[in-house]
Structures are given as C-alpha cells and as structure tokens.
Protein backbone atom coordinates (compact mmCIF):
# COMPACT_ATOMS: atom_id res chain seq x y z
CA MET A 1 -130.59 7.59 -145.16
CA PRO A 2 -132.53 10.50 -143.62
CA TYR A 3 -135.21 9.79 -141.04
CA ALA A 4 -138.03 12.16 -140.12
CA ASN A 5 -137.77 11.65 -136.37
CA TYR A 6 -133.99 11.28 -135.95
CA THR A 7 -130.86 13.15 -136.87
CA ALA A 8 -127.86 11.18 -138.08
CA GLU A 9 -126.19 11.80 -134.72
CA GLU A 10 -129.23 10.46 -132.84
CA VAL A 11 -129.25 7.30 -134.96
CA ARG A 12 -125.52 6.78 -134.32
CA ALA A 13 -125.79 7.45 -130.59
CA ARG A 14 -128.81 5.17 -130.14
CA GLY A 15 -127.22 2.42 -132.25
CA GLU A 16 -123.95 2.50 -130.34
CA ALA A 17 -125.76 2.53 -126.99
CA LEU A 18 -127.97 -0.44 -127.92
CA TYR A 19 -124.96 -2.39 -129.13
CA ALA A 20 -122.95 -1.70 -125.98
CA GLU A 21 -125.79 -2.29 -123.52
CA GLN A 22 -127.80 -5.14 -125.06
CA ILE A 23 -126.07 -6.81 -128.00
CA ARG A 24 -122.27 -6.89 -127.61
CA ASP A 25 -122.31 -9.71 -125.04
CA GLN A 26 -124.41 -11.89 -127.38
CA VAL A 27 -122.02 -11.57 -130.34
CA LYS A 28 -119.81 -14.60 -130.92
CA ALA A 29 -116.05 -14.46 -131.51
CA GLU A 30 -116.51 -15.93 -135.00
CA ASP A 31 -118.67 -12.92 -135.93
CA LYS A 32 -115.66 -10.56 -135.80
CA GLY A 33 -115.41 -8.73 -139.11
CA LYS A 34 -119.05 -9.32 -140.02
CA PHE A 35 -121.65 -6.58 -140.22
CA LEU A 36 -124.34 -6.07 -137.63
CA VAL A 37 -127.39 -4.07 -138.72
CA MET A 38 -130.01 -3.13 -136.14
CA ASP A 39 -133.36 -1.42 -135.90
CA ILE A 40 -132.71 1.25 -133.27
CA GLU A 41 -136.38 1.41 -132.30
CA THR A 42 -136.94 -2.29 -131.61
CA GLY A 43 -133.42 -3.58 -130.97
CA ASP A 44 -133.85 -6.32 -133.59
CA TYR A 45 -130.63 -7.04 -135.45
CA GLU A 46 -129.05 -9.24 -138.08
CA ILE A 47 -125.44 -10.31 -138.60
CA ASP A 48 -123.97 -11.17 -141.99
CA ALA A 49 -120.69 -10.98 -143.89
CA ASP A 50 -122.66 -8.88 -146.42
CA ASP A 51 -124.07 -5.68 -144.92
CA LEU A 52 -126.73 -5.39 -147.63
CA GLN A 53 -128.11 -8.85 -146.82
CA ALA A 54 -128.26 -8.01 -143.11
CA THR A 55 -130.05 -4.75 -143.92
CA LYS A 56 -132.56 -6.50 -146.17
CA ARG A 57 -133.43 -8.96 -143.40
CA VAL A 58 -133.93 -6.16 -140.84
CA LEU A 59 -136.15 -4.25 -143.28
CA ALA A 60 -138.11 -7.41 -144.15
CA LYS A 61 -139.13 -7.65 -140.51
CA ARG A 62 -140.09 -3.98 -140.30
CA PRO A 63 -139.96 -1.89 -143.50
CA ALA A 64 -140.03 1.40 -141.54
CA ALA A 65 -137.05 0.41 -139.40
CA VAL A 66 -134.51 3.06 -138.49
CA VAL A 67 -131.29 1.17 -139.15
CA TYR A 68 -127.77 1.51 -137.82
CA GLY A 69 -124.90 -0.69 -138.90
CA LEU A 70 -121.44 -1.49 -137.65
CA ARG A 71 -118.63 -3.93 -138.32
CA ILE A 72 -118.09 -6.20 -135.37
CA GLY A 73 -114.70 -5.73 -133.74
CA TYR A 74 -113.71 -2.68 -135.82
CA PRO A 75 -113.89 1.05 -135.07
CA SER A 76 -115.60 1.73 -138.41
CA ALA A 77 -117.57 -0.32 -140.92
CA TYR A 78 -115.49 0.66 -143.93
CA ARG A 79 -112.03 1.89 -144.74
CA LEU A 80 -111.46 4.53 -147.38
CA GLY A 81 -108.21 5.14 -149.16
CA GLY A 82 -105.44 2.93 -150.30
CA ARG A 83 -101.74 2.41 -150.15
CA PHE A 84 -99.12 3.32 -152.64
CA ARG A 85 -96.31 0.90 -153.10
CA VAL A 86 -93.04 2.28 -154.33
CA SER A 87 -91.23 -0.22 -156.44
CA ALA A 88 -87.46 -0.37 -156.59
CA GLN A 89 -86.15 0.77 -159.96
C-alpha cells in the first residue's frame, strides 16, 4: 500500500524500530505465530491469528493509519514456495 509521506523502506524501518523499542517486551509467548499490525505514526497495534482482522481493527481506530505488519517470532510474515516430494516408484 503506497503512502504519500513514506516510502516502503521508511514504513518498514519505522515499524521494525517501534516493535523492537516499544512493543516486543509486551508480547506474550502465546502470541508467537500470530500477526501484529501497527500504526507506525501512533504506535497503536493489534494482534490476531488473522492478519486481515488485525489490520481492520487498526484502521477502525484511525482510517488514515500507516500500517506495518509482522508475524511474531518469525523473520517474515509469509513463506512463498513449496516442497516437492519424490515418491519411490
């Protein structure tokens, strides 16, 4: 999602900094694997197993929010690709 005042890199950098500095210590162990979506301008965030639901709640609070999302405990929110299994013939 493009934002008028931020580049994608600025959104990512601000989101990661906010998470590391203000949010990470508040996240519970049982939240691992869930999605955290934050407004990088206010620091408000939501956690949910469904990233769309978390995003909707952040945007309900502030429709003009600049959002950044991550998956708690993982280096990336999603994984692309698959595995091929070779069956014995």
